[in-house]
Structure formats: structure tokens, C-alpha cells
């Protein structure tokens, strides 16, 4: 006969597996969403390069930071983390825009 502790441990592992599957699904969705986002930012980079605009738009970046910090607060996510995450993405986008502009130079 299985004792209560062993049964409880099995239930915990079952719960962990279920929760981890949800996390894995969210991770996959994040990757797909980032890929879609980068498709759009590549188009933005092409437009900027074609019209001689700078790769970075500091006003837009600040508006995005403010907006996403607010969304983070509403979602009970650390706004500083959300800002760091956005800054990481924006830095990569600017890098892509610079590469696009360099190809046209």
C-alpha cells in the first residue's frame, strides 16, 4: 500500500509537470510572437534606410518604455524587468536597422 507521503509526492510531480507544460507553451508563443515582431521591425528598418532615417528613434523608444511599464504594472510584473526586456529587444532591432542601412550604403 502506498503511504500518504508517496502519494502526495506523486501528485506534486504531476502538478509540476502540468505547470511546466504551460510554461513551455508560453515560451513557444513568446518565440513566435518575437519572430512576428521582428518581421515588422525589418520592414521599419527597410523604410528608414530607404528614406535616410536614423536606425534609432529615441522618442518612440521612450513612449514604448512608458507604455510597457504601465502594462507591466497592470499585469503585476516588475516594471523594471519589463523595461530591461524591451531595451534588449530594441537594441537588437536597432542593430538590424543598422545592418540594413549599411547594405544600402
PDB file of N, CA and C in Angstrom:
ATOM      1  N   UNK A   1       0.843  -1.181   0.000  1.00  0.00           N
ATOM      2  CA  UNK A   1       0.000   0.000   0.000  1.00  0.00           C
ATOM      3  C   UNK A   1       0.891   1.249   0.000  1.00  0.00           C
ATOM      4  N   UNK A   2       0.552   2.247  -0.837  1.00  0.00           N
ATOM      5  CA  UNK A   2       1.317   3.483  -0.944  1.00  0.00           C
ATOM      6  C   UNK A   2       0.971   4.368   0.240  1.00  0.00           C
ATOM      7  N   UNK A   3       2.007   4.861   0.905  1.00  0.00           N
ATOM      8  CA  UNK A   3       1.706   5.742   2.034  1.00  0.00           C
ATOM      9  C   UNK A   3       1.318   7.131   1.527  1.00  0.00           C
ATOM     10  N   UNK A   4       0.766   7.916   2.423  1.00  0.00           N
ATOM     11  CA  UNK A   4       0.244   9.238   2.067  1.00  0.00           C
ATOM     12  C   UNK A   4       1.325  10.162   1.513  1.00  0.00           C
ATOM     13  N   UNK A   5       2.526  10.075   2.069  1.00  0.00           N
ATOM     14  CA  UNK A   5       3.630  10.932   1.616  1.00  0.00           C
ATOM     15  C   UNK A   5       4.011  10.614   0.166  1.00  0.00           C
ATOM     16  N   UNK A   6       4.101   9.314  -0.157  1.00  0.00           N
ATOM     17  CA  UNK A   6       4.462   8.932  -1.529  1.00  0.00           C
ATOM     18  C   UNK A   6       3.393   9.373  -2.512  1.00  0.00           C
ATOM     19  N   UNK A   7       2.131   9.249  -2.134  1.00  0.00           N
ATOM     20  CA  UNK A   7       1.030   9.679  -2.983  1.00  0.00           C
ATOM     21  C   UNK A   7       1.082  11.186  -3.176  1.00  0.00           C
ATOM     22  N   UNK A   8       1.346  11.914  -2.097  1.00  0.00           N
ATOM     23  CA  UNK A   8       1.442  13.361  -2.155  1.00  0.00           C
ATOM     24  C   UNK A   8       2.583  13.789  -3.076  1.00  0.00           C
ATOM     25  N   UNK A   9       3.730  13.100  -2.968  1.00  0.00           N
ATOM     26  CA  UNK A   9       4.881  13.419  -3.818  1.00  0.00           C
ATOM     27  C   UNK A   9       4.545  13.184  -5.284  1.00  0.00           C
ATOM     28  N   UNK A  10       3.861  12.106  -5.585  1.00  0.00           N
ATOM     29  CA  UNK A  10       3.464  11.817  -6.966  1.00  0.00           C
ATOM     30  C   UNK A  10       2.528  12.908  -7.488  1.00  0.00           C
ATOM     31  N   UNK A  11       1.612  13.360  -6.657  1.00  0.00           N
ATOM     32  CA  UNK A  11       0.702  14.438  -7.062  1.00  0.00           C
ATOM     33  C   UNK A  11       1.469  15.721  -7.339  1.00  0.00           C
ATOM     34  N   UNK A  12       2.436  16.019  -6.482  1.00  0.00           N
ATOM     35  CA  UNK A  12       3.243  17.232  -6.666  1.00  0.00           C
ATOM     36  C   UNK A  12       3.982  17.165  -7.995  1.00  0.00           C
ATOM     37  N   UNK A  13       4.594  16.029  -8.301  1.00  0.00           N
ATOM     38  CA  UNK A  13       5.312  15.892  -9.566  1.00  0.00           C
ATOM     39  C   UNK A  13       4.364  15.997 -10.754  1.00  0.00           C
ATOM     40  N   UNK A  14       3.166  15.478 -10.600  1.00  0.00           N
ATOM     41  CA  UNK A  14       2.162  15.621 -11.654  1.00  0.00           C
ATOM     42  C   UNK A  14       1.779  17.075 -11.872  1.00  0.00           C
ATOM     43  N   UNK A  15       1.611  17.806 -10.769  1.00  0.00           N
ATOM     44  CA  UNK A  15       1.295  19.238 -10.866  1.00  0.00           C
ATOM     45  C   UNK A  15       2.450  20.005 -11.495  1.00  0.00           C
ATOM     46  N   UNK A  16       3.671  19.681 -11.055  1.00  0.00           N
ATOM     47  CA  UNK A  16       4.839  20.346 -11.637  1.00  0.00           C
ATOM     48  C   UNK A  16       4.898  20.127 -13.139  1.00  0.00           C
ATOM     49  N   UNK A  17       4.673  18.899 -13.560  1.00  0.00           N
ATOM     50  CA  UNK A  17       4.726  18.593 -14.994  1.00  0.00           C
ATOM     51  C   UNK A  17       3.678  19.389 -15.762  1.00  0.00           C
ATOM     52  N   UNK A  18       2.483  19.478 -15.222  1.00  0.00           N
ATOM     53  CA  UNK A  18       1.415  20.234 -15.868  1.00  0.00           C
ATOM     54  C   UNK A  18       1.762  21.720 -15.955  1.00  0.00           C
ATOM     55  N   UNK A  19       2.256  22.280 -14.859  1.00  0.00           N
ATOM     56  CA  UNK A  19       2.632  23.699 -14.842  1.00  0.00           C
ATOM     57  C   UNK A  19       3.787  23.949 -15.809  1.00  0.00           C
ATOM     58  N   UNK A  20       4.759  23.050 -15.807  1.00  0.00           N
ATOM     59  CA  UNK A  20       5.900  23.217 -16.707  1.00  0.00           C
ATOM     60  C   UNK A  20       5.486  23.127 -18.167  1.00  0.00           C
ATOM     61  N   UNK A  21       4.495  22.307 -18.472  1.00  0.00           N
ATOM     62  CA  UNK A  21       3.993  22.232 -19.845  1.00  0.00           C
ATOM     63  C   UNK A  21       3.369  23.565 -20.245  1.00  0.00           C
ATOM     64  N   UNK A  22       2.656  24.181 -19.312  1.00  0.00           N
ATOM     65  CA  UNK A  22       2.088  25.509 -19.586  1.00  0.00           C
ATOM     66  C   UNK A  22       3.191  26.529 -19.821  1.00  0.00           C
ATOM     67  N   UNK A  23       4.238  26.479 -19.015  1.00  0.00           N
ATOM     68  CA  UNK A  23       5.378  27.389 -19.196  1.00  0.00           C
ATOM     69  C   UNK A  23       6.018  27.159 -20.561  1.00  0.00           C
ATOM     70  N   UNK A  24       6.206  25.905 -20.940  1.00  0.00           N
ATOM     71  CA  UNK A  24       6.793  25.586 -22.247  1.00  0.00           C
ATOM     72  C   UNK A  24       5.931  26.134 -23.381  1.00  0.00           C
ATOM     73  N   UNK A  25       4.607  26.036 -23.240  1.00  0.00           N
ATOM     74  CA  UNK A  25       3.702  26.563 -24.262  1.00  0.00           C
ATOM     75  C   UNK A  25       3.818  28.082 -24.362  1.00  0.00           C
ATOM     76  N   UNK A  26       3.925  28.748 -23.227  1.00  0.00           N
ATOM     77  CA  UNK A  26       4.083  30.201 -23.223  1.00  0.00           C
ATOM     78  C   UNK A  26       5.423  30.587 -23.847  1.00  0.00           C
ATOM     79  N   UNK A  27       6.490  29.845 -23.515  1.00  0.00           N
ATOM     80  CA  UNK A  27       7.798  30.116 -24.118  1.00  0.00           C
ATOM     81  C   UNK A  27       7.734  30.003 -25.635  1.00  0.00           C
ATOM     82  N   UNK A  28       7.060  28.972 -26.129  1.00  0.00           N
ATOM     83  CA  UNK A  28       6.927  28.797 -27.580  1.00  0.00           C
ATOM     84  C   UNK A  28       6.150  29.967 -28.188  1.00  0.00           C
ATOM     85  N   UNK A  29       5.084  30.383 -27.518  1.00  0.00           N
ATOM     86  CA  UNK A  29       4.299  31.518 -28.012  1.00  0.00           C
ATOM     87  C   UNK A  29       5.143  32.791 -28.033  1.00  0.00           C
ATOM     88  N   UNK A  30       5.962  32.995 -26.995  1.00  0.00           N
ATOM     89  CA  UNK A  30       6.837  34.173 -26.961  1.00  0.00           C
ATOM     90  C   UNK A  30       7.791  34.185 -28.150  1.00  0.00           C
ATOM     91  N   UNK A  31       8.379  33.039 -28.459  1.00  0.00           N
ATOM     92  CA  UNK A  31       9.310  32.954 -29.590  1.00  0.00           C
ATOM     93  C   UNK A  31       8.595  33.290 -30.889  1.00  0.00           C
ATOM     94  N   UNK A  32       7.403  32.740 -31.067  1.00  0.00           N
ATOM     95  CA  UNK A  32       6.645  33.023 -32.294  1.00  0.00           C
ATOM     96  C   UNK A  32       6.240  34.496 -32.370  1.00  0.00           C
ATOM     97  N   UNK A  33       5.863  35.066 -31.234  1.00  0.00           N
ATOM     98  CA  UNK A  33       5.486  36.486 -31.212  1.00  0.00           C
ATOM     99  C   UNK A  33       6.695  37.367 -31.507  1.00  0.00           C
ATOM    100  N   UNK A  34       7.853  37.028 -30.939  1.00  0.00           N
ATOM    101  CA  UNK A  34       9.063  37.802 -31.223  1.00  0.00           C
ATOM    102  C   UNK A  34       9.433  37.706 -32.703  1.00  0.00           C
ATOM    103  N   UNK A  35       9.277  36.530 -33.290  1.00  0.00           N
ATOM    104  CA  UNK A  35       9.570  36.373 -34.716  1.00  0.00           C
ATOM    105  C   UNK A  35       8.651  37.272 -35.544  1.00  0.00           C
ATOM    106  N   UNK A  36       7.385  37.317 -35.195  1.00  0.00           N
ATOM    107  CA  UNK A  36       6.448  38.192 -35.906  1.00  0.00           C
ATOM    108  C   UNK A  36       6.819  39.655 -35.708  1.00  0.00           C
ATOM    109  N   UNK A  37       7.181  40.008 -34.495  1.00  0.00           N
ATOM    110  CA  UNK A  37       7.573  41.387 -34.199  1.00  0.00           C
ATOM    111  C   UNK A  37       8.773  41.782 -35.049  1.00  0.00           C
ATOM    112  N   UNK A  38       9.760  40.893 -35.146  1.00  0.00           N
ATOM    113  CA  UNK A  38      10.957  41.205 -35.921  1.00  0.00           C
ATOM    114  C   UNK A  38      10.666  41.295 -37.418  1.00  0.00           C
ATOM    115  N   UNK A  39       9.660  40.592 -37.910  1.00  0.00           N
ATOM    116  CA  UNK A  39       9.263  40.765 -39.312  1.00  0.00           C
ATOM    117  C   UNK A  39       8.817  42.205 -39.551  1.00  0.00           C
ATOM    118  N   UNK A  40       8.034  42.736 -38.625  1.00  0.00           N
ATOM    119  CA  UNK A  40       7.581  44.122 -38.753  1.00  0.00           C
ATOM    120  C   UNK A  40       8.733  45.108 -38.592  1.00  0.00           C
ATOM    121  N   UNK A  41       9.614  44.851 -37.638  1.00  0.00           N
ATOM    122  CA  UNK A  41      10.709  45.790 -37.434  1.00  0.00           C
ATOM    123  C   UNK A  41      11.696  45.753 -38.597  1.00  0.00           C
ATOM    124  N   UNK A  42      11.790  44.626 -39.296  1.00  0.00           N
ATOM    125  CA  UNK A  42      12.627  44.584 -40.504  1.00  0.00           C
ATOM    126  C   UNK A  42      12.036  45.505 -41.568  1.00  0.00           C
ATOM    127  N   UNK A  43      10.721  45.507 -41.681  1.00  0.00           N
ATOM    128  CA  UNK A  43      10.060  46.407 -42.633  1.00  0.00           C
ATOM    129  C   UNK A  43      10.301  47.861 -42.245  1.00  0.00           C
ATOM    130  N   UNK A  44      10.219  48.149 -40.947  1.00  0.00           N
ATOM    131  CA  UNK A  44      10.507  49.510 -40.467  1.00  0.00           C
ATOM    132  C   UNK A  44      11.949  49.879 -40.816  1.00  0.00           C
ATOM    133  N   UNK A  45      12.873  48.962 -40.597  1.00  0.00           N
ATOM    134  CA  UNK A  45      14.278  49.217 -40.907  1.00  0.00           C
ATOM    135  C   UNK A  45      14.495  49.505 -42.377  1.00  0.00           C
ATOM    136  N   UNK A  46      13.809  48.759 -43.226  1.00  0.00           N
ATOM    137  CA  UNK A  46      13.912  48.976 -44.674  1.00  0.00           C
ATOM    138  C   UNK A  46      13.390  50.371 -45.033  1.00  0.00           C
ATOM    139  N   UNK A  47      12.234  50.749 -44.477  1.00  0.00           N
ATOM    140  CA  UNK A  47      11.671  52.080 -44.748  1.00  0.00           C
ATOM    141  C   UNK A  47      12.620  53.188 -44.281  1.00  0.00           C
ATOM    142  N   UNK A  48      13.177  53.021 -43.081  1.00  0.00           N
ATOM    143  CA  UNK A  48      14.116  54.022 -42.573  1.00  0.00           C
ATOM    144  C   UNK A  48      15.336  54.134 -43.482  1.00  0.00           C
ATOM    145  N   UNK A  49      15.889  53.002 -43.889  1.00  0.00           N
ATOM    146  CA  UNK A  49      17.076  53.019 -44.746  1.00  0.00           C
ATOM    147  C   UNK A  49      16.758  53.658 -46.095  1.00  0.00           C
ATOM    148  N   UNK A  50      15.623  53.311 -46.659  1.00  0.00           N
ATOM    149  CA  UNK A  50      15.231  53.846 -47.969  1.00  0.00           C
ATOM    150  C   UNK A  50      15.042  55.355 -47.943  1.00  0.00           C
ATOM    151  N   UNK A  51      14.703  55.896 -46.789  1.00  0.00           N
ATOM    152  CA  UNK A  51      14.418  57.325 -46.683  1.00  0.00           C
ATOM    153  C   UNK A  51      15.445  58.077 -45.853  1.00  0.00           C
ATOM    154  N   UNK A  52      16.585  57.438 -45.579  1.00  0.00           N
ATOM    155  CA  UNK A  52      17.678  58.100 -44.885  1.00  0.00           C
ATOM    156  C   UNK A  52      17.388  58.456 -43.439  1.00  0.00           C
ATOM    157  N   UNK A  53      16.487  57.733 -42.819  1.00  0.00           N
ATOM    158  CA  UNK A  53      16.162  57.996 -41.417  1.00  0.00           C
ATOM    159  C   UNK A  53      17.115  57.224 -40.505  1.00  0.00           C
ATOM    160  N   UNK A  54      17.381  57.741 -39.323  1.00  0.00           N
ATOM    161  CA  UNK A  54      18.305  57.050 -38.410  1.00  0.00           C
ATOM    162  C   UNK A  54      17.702  55.736 -37.902  1.00  0.00           C
ATOM    163  N   UNK A  55      18.555  54.772 -37.602  1.00  0.00           N
ATOM    164  CA  UNK A  55      18.069  53.478 -37.106  1.00  0.00           C
ATOM    165  C   UNK A  55      17.304  53.577 -35.786  1.00  0.00           C
ATOM    166  N   UNK A  56      17.697  54.501 -34.911  1.00  0.00           N
ATOM    167  CA  UNK A  56      17.049  54.638 -33.605  1.00  0.00           C
ATOM    168  C   UNK A  56      16.070  55.807 -33.623  1.00  0.00           C
ATOM    169  N   UNK A  57      15.003  55.657 -32.864  1.00  0.00           N
ATOM    170  CA  UNK A  57      14.015  56.720 -32.679  1.00  0.00           C
ATOM    171  C   UNK A  57      13.801  56.846 -31.177  1.00  0.00           C
ATOM    172  N   UNK A  58      14.578  57.712 -30.551  1.00  0.00           N
ATOM    173  CA  UNK A  58      14.582  57.812 -29.093  1.00  0.00           C
ATOM    174  C   UNK A  58      13.226  58.218 -28.509  1.00  0.00           C
ATOM    175  N   UNK A  59      12.489  59.077 -29.216  1.00  0.00           N
ATOM    176  CA  UNK A  59      11.162  59.475 -28.730  1.00  0.00           C
ATOM    177  C   UNK A  59      10.222  58.283 -28.720  1.00  0.00           C
ATOM    178  N   UNK A  60      10.240  57.503 -29.792  1.00  0.00           N
ATOM    179  CA  UNK A  60       9.400  56.298 -29.872  1.00  0.00           C
ATOM    180  C   UNK A  60       9.797  55.315 -28.775  1.00  0.00           C
ATOM    181  N   UNK A  61      11.094  55.128 -28.588  1.00  0.00           N
ATOM    182  CA  UNK A  61      11.553  54.192 -27.559  1.00  0.00           C
ATOM    183  C   UNK A  61      11.060  54.620 -26.180  1.00  0.00           C
ATOM    184  N   UNK A  62      11.132  55.908 -25.888  1.00  0.00           N
ATOM    185  CA  UNK A  62      10.681  56.386 -24.576  1.00  0.00           C
ATOM    186  C   UNK A  62       9.179  56.193 -24.414  1.00  0.00           C
ATOM    187  N   UNK A  63       8.410  56.451 -25.471  1.00  0.00           N
ATOM    188  CA  UNK A  63       6.960  56.215 -25.396  1.00  0.00           C
ATOM    189  C   UNK A  63       6.674  54.738 -25.138  1.00  0.00           C
ATOM    190  N   UNK A  64       7.421  53.863 -25.807  1.00  0.00           N
ATOM    191  CA  UNK A  64       7.229  52.425 -25.626  1.00  0.00           C
ATOM    192  C   UNK A  64       7.585  52.001 -24.201  1.00  0.00           C
ATOM    193  N   UNK A  65       8.675  52.524 -23.675  1.00  0.00           N
ATOM    194  CA  UNK A  65       9.074  52.183 -22.310  1.00  0.00           C
ATOM    195  C   UNK A  65       7.980  52.597 -21.331  1.00  0.00           C
ATOM    196  N   UNK A  66       7.484  53.810 -21.483  1.00  0.00           N
ATOM    197  CA  UNK A  66       6.434  54.301 -20.604  1.00  0.00           C
ATOM    198  C   UNK A  66       5.180  53.426 -20.719  1.00  0.00           C
ATOM    199  N   UNK A  67       4.787  53.119 -21.943  1.00  0.00           N
ATOM    200  CA  UNK A  67       3.592  52.305 -22.177  1.00  0.00           C
ATOM    201  C   UNK A  67       3.762  50.905 -21.591  1.00  0.00           C
ATOM    202  N   UNK A  68       4.909  50.282 -21.849  1.00  0.00           N
ATOM    203  CA  UNK A  68       5.110  48.912 -21.382  1.00  0.00           C
ATOM    204  C   UNK A  68       5.309  48.833 -19.874  1.00  0.00           C
ATOM    205  N   UNK A  69       5.900  49.855 -19.279  1.00  0.00           N
ATOM    206  CA  UNK A  69       5.996  49.878 -17.817  1.00  0.00           C
ATOM    207  C   UNK A  69       4.593  49.923 -17.209  1.00  0.00           C
ATOM    208  N   UNK A  70       3.716  50.706 -17.816  1.00  0.00           N
ATOM    209  CA  UNK A  70       2.326  50.765 -17.344  1.00  0.00           C
ATOM    210  C   UNK A  70       1.624  49.433 -17.501  1.00  0.00           C
ATOM    211  N   UNK A  71       1.806  48.790 -18.653  1.00  0.00           N
ATOM    212  CA  UNK A  71       1.216  47.463 -18.855  1.00  0.00           C
ATOM    213  C   UNK A  71       1.761  46.460 -17.855  1.00  0.00           C
ATOM    214  N   UNK A  72       3.055  46.545 -17.576  1.00  0.00           N
ATOM    215  CA  UNK A  72       3.665  45.642 -16.604  1.00  0.00           C
ATOM    216  C   UNK A  72       3.040  45.836 -15.228  1.00  0.00           C
ATOM    217  N   UNK A  73       2.889  47.086 -14.824  1.00  0.00           N
ATOM    218  CA  UNK A  73       2.281  47.353 -13.521  1.00  0.00           C
ATOM    219  C   UNK A  73       0.869  46.797 -13.455  1.00  0.00           C
ATOM    220  N   UNK A  74       0.080  47.001 -14.522  1.00  0.00           N
ATOM    221  CA  UNK A  74      -1.286  46.475 -14.563  1.00  0.00           C
ATOM    222  C   UNK A  74      -1.303  44.952 -14.468  1.00  0.00           C
ATOM    223  N   UNK A  75      -0.261  44.319 -14.988  1.00  0.00           N
ATOM    224  CA  UNK A  75      -0.182  42.856 -15.027  1.00  0.00           C
ATOM    225  C   UNK A  75       0.566  42.274 -13.833  1.00  0.00           C
ATOM    226  N   UNK A  76       0.937  43.128 -12.892  1.00  0.00           N
ATOM    227  CA  UNK A  76       1.683  42.702 -11.694  1.00  0.00           C
ATOM    228  C   UNK A  76       3.033  42.078 -12.058  1.00  0.00           C
ATOM    229  N   UNK A  77       3.666  42.670 -13.056  1.00  0.00           N
ATOM    230  CA  UNK A  77       5.009  42.295 -13.470  1.00  0.00           C
ATOM    231  C   UNK A  77       5.930  43.453 -13.109  1.00  0.00           C
ATOM    232  N   UNK A  78       7.118  43.154 -12.682  1.00  0.00           N
ATOM    233  CA  UNK A  78       8.074  44.181 -12.300  1.00  0.00           C
ATOM    234  C   UNK A  78       8.339  45.110 -13.494  1.00  0.00           C
ATOM    235  N   UNK A  79       7.979  46.393 -13.390  1.00  0.00           N
ATOM    236  CA  UNK A  79       8.193  47.324 -14.498  1.00  0.00           C
ATOM    237  C   UNK A  79       9.662  47.451 -14.900  1.00  0.00           C
ATOM    238  N   UNK A  80      10.562  47.336 -13.953  1.00  0.00           N
ATOM    239  CA  UNK A  80      11.995  47.415 -14.278  1.00  0.00           C
ATOM    240  C   UNK A  80      12.392  46.235 -15.157  1.00  0.00           C
ATOM    241  N   UNK A  81      11.850  45.063 -14.866  1.00  0.00           N
ATOM    242  CA  UNK A  81      12.125  43.891 -15.695  1.00  0.00           C
ATOM    243  C   UNK A  81      11.568  44.115 -17.097  1.00  0.00           C
ATOM    244  N   UNK A  82      10.355  44.618 -17.199  1.00  0.00           N
ATOM    245  CA  UNK A  82       9.735  44.861 -18.498  1.00  0.00           C
ATOM    246  C   UNK A  82      10.572  45.859 -19.303  1.00  0.00           C
ATOM    247  N   UNK A  83      11.080  46.881 -18.639  1.00  0.00           N
ATOM    248  CA  UNK A  83      11.913  47.870 -19.315  1.00  0.00           C
ATOM    249  C   UNK A  83      13.219  47.243 -19.802  1.00  0.00           C
ATOM    250  N   UNK A  84      13.848  46.428 -18.991  1.00  0.00           N
ATOM    251  CA  UNK A  84      15.084  45.752 -19.400  1.00  0.00           C
ATOM    252  C   UNK A  84      14.825  44.843 -20.598  1.00  0.00           C
ATOM    253  N   UNK A  85      13.716  44.137 -20.560  1.00  0.00           N
ATOM    254  CA  UNK A  85      13.347  43.242 -21.650  1.00  0.00           C
ATOM    255  C   UNK A  85      13.151  44.042 -22.940  1.00  0.00           C
ATOM    256  N   UNK A  86      12.411  45.152 -22.853  1.00  0.00           N
ATOM    257  CA  UNK A  86      12.187  45.992 -24.029  1.00  0.00           C
ATOM    258  C   UNK A  86      13.501  46.579 -24.526  1.00  0.00           C
ATOM    259  N   UNK A  87      14.341  47.042 -23.619  1.00  0.00           N
ATOM    260  CA  UNK A  87      15.630  47.606 -24.033  1.00  0.00           C
ATOM    261  C   UNK A  87      16.473  46.580 -24.782  1.00  0.00           C
ATOM    262  N   UNK A  88      16.438  45.338 -24.326  1.00  0.00           N
ATOM    263  CA  UNK A  88      17.158  44.273 -25.013  1.00  0.00           C
ATOM    264  C   UNK A  88      16.624  44.083 -26.434  1.00  0.00           C
ATOM    265  N   UNK A  89      15.311  44.058 -26.577  1.00  0.00           N
ATOM    266  CA  UNK A  89      14.694  43.886 -27.894  1.00  0.00           C
ATOM    267  C   UNK A  89      15.007  45.078 -28.787  1.00  0.00           C
ATOM    268  N   UNK A  90      14.855  46.279 -28.255  1.00  0.00           N
ATOM    269  CA  UNK A  90      15.111  47.487 -29.051  1.00  0.00           C
ATOM    270  C   UNK A  90      16.567  47.536 -29.509  1.00  0.00           C
ATOM    271  N   UNK A  91      17.491  47.166 -28.659  1.00  0.00           N
ATOM    272  CA  UNK A  91      18.906  47.157 -29.055  1.00  0.00           C
ATOM    273  C   UNK A  91      19.122  46.212 -30.232  1.00  0.00           C
ATOM    274  N   UNK A  92      18.475  45.071 -30.219  1.00  0.00           N
ATOM    275  CA  UNK A  92      18.599  44.123 -31.327  1.00  0.00           C
ATOM    276  C   UNK A  92      17.950  44.678 -32.593  1.00  0.00           C
ATOM    277  N   UNK A  93      16.815  45.322 -32.445  1.00  0.00           N
ATOM    278  CA  UNK A  93      16.133  45.935 -33.595  1.00  0.00           C
ATOM    279  C   UNK A  93      17.026  47.013 -34.213  1.00  0.00           C
ATOM    280  N   UNK A  94      17.611  47.866 -33.391  1.00  0.00           N
ATOM    281  CA  UNK A  94      18.490  48.925 -33.905  1.00  0.00           C
ATOM    282  C   UNK A  94      19.677  48.308 -34.628  1.00  0.00           C
ATOM    283  N   UNK A  95      20.226  47.249 -34.069  1.00  0.00           N
ATOM    284  CA  UNK A  95      21.328  46.539 -34.723  1.00  0.00           C
ATOM    285  C   UNK A  95      20.897  46.054 -36.112  1.00  0.00           C
ATOM    286  N   UNK A  96      19.700  45.489 -36.207  1.00  0.00           N
ATOM    287  CA  UNK A  96      19.178  45.048 -37.513  1.00  0.00           C
ATOM    288  C   UNK A  96      19.029  46.232 -38.457  1.00  0.00           C
ATOM    289  N   UNK A  97      18.499  47.340 -37.945  1.00  0.00           N
ATOM    290  CA  UNK A  97      18.310  48.534 -38.781  1.00  0.00           C
ATOM    291  C   UNK A  97      19.663  49.065 -39.283  1.00  0.00           C
ATOM    292  N   UNK A  98      20.659  49.039 -38.426  1.00  0.00           N
ATOM    293  CA  UNK A  98      21.989  49.489 -38.847  1.00  0.00           C
ATOM    294  C   UNK A  98      22.551  48.582 -39.943  1.00  0.00           C
ATOM    295  N   UNK A  99      22.347  47.296 -39.824  1.00  0.00           N
ATOM    296  CA  UNK A  99      22.806  46.376 -40.861  1.00  0.00           C
ATOM    297  C   UNK A  99      22.094  46.616 -42.185  1.00  0.00           C
ATOM    298  N   UNK A 100      20.787  46.876 -42.108  1.00  0.00           N
ATOM    299  CA  UNK A 100      20.031  47.156 -43.321  1.00  0.00           C
ATOM    300  C   UNK A 100      20.560  48.435 -43.979  1.00  0.00           C
ATOM    301  N   UNK A 101      20.760  49.470 -43.172  1.00  0.00           N
ATOM    302  CA  UNK A 101      21.264  50.746 -43.690  1.00  0.00           C
ATOM    303  C   UNK A 101      22.657  50.582 -44.282  1.00  0.00           C
ATOM    304  N   UNK A 102      23.499  49.762 -43.652  1.00  0.00           N
ATOM    305  CA  UNK A 102      24.870  49.554 -44.153  1.00  0.00           C
ATOM    306  C   UNK A 102      24.865  48.847 -45.504  1.00  0.00           C
ATOM    307  N   UNK A 103      23.922  47.962 -45.727  1.00  0.00           N
ATOM    308  CA  UNK A 103      23.827  47.276 -47.028  1.00  0.00           C
ATOM    309  C   UNK A 103      23.501  48.261 -48.139  1.00  0.00           C
ATOM    310  N   UNK A 104      22.728  49.296 -47.790  1.00  0.00           N
ATOM    311  CA  UNK A 104      22.328  50.278 -48.786  1.00  0.00           C
ATOM    312  C   UNK A 104      23.387  51.357 -49.010  1.00  0.00           C
ATOM    313  N   UNK A 105      24.379  51.413 -48.137  1.00  0.00           N
ATOM    314  CA  UNK A 105      25.385  52.474 -48.232  1.00  0.00           C
ATOM    315  C   UNK A 105      26.395  52.215 -49.321  1.00  0.00           C
TER     316      UNK A 105
END
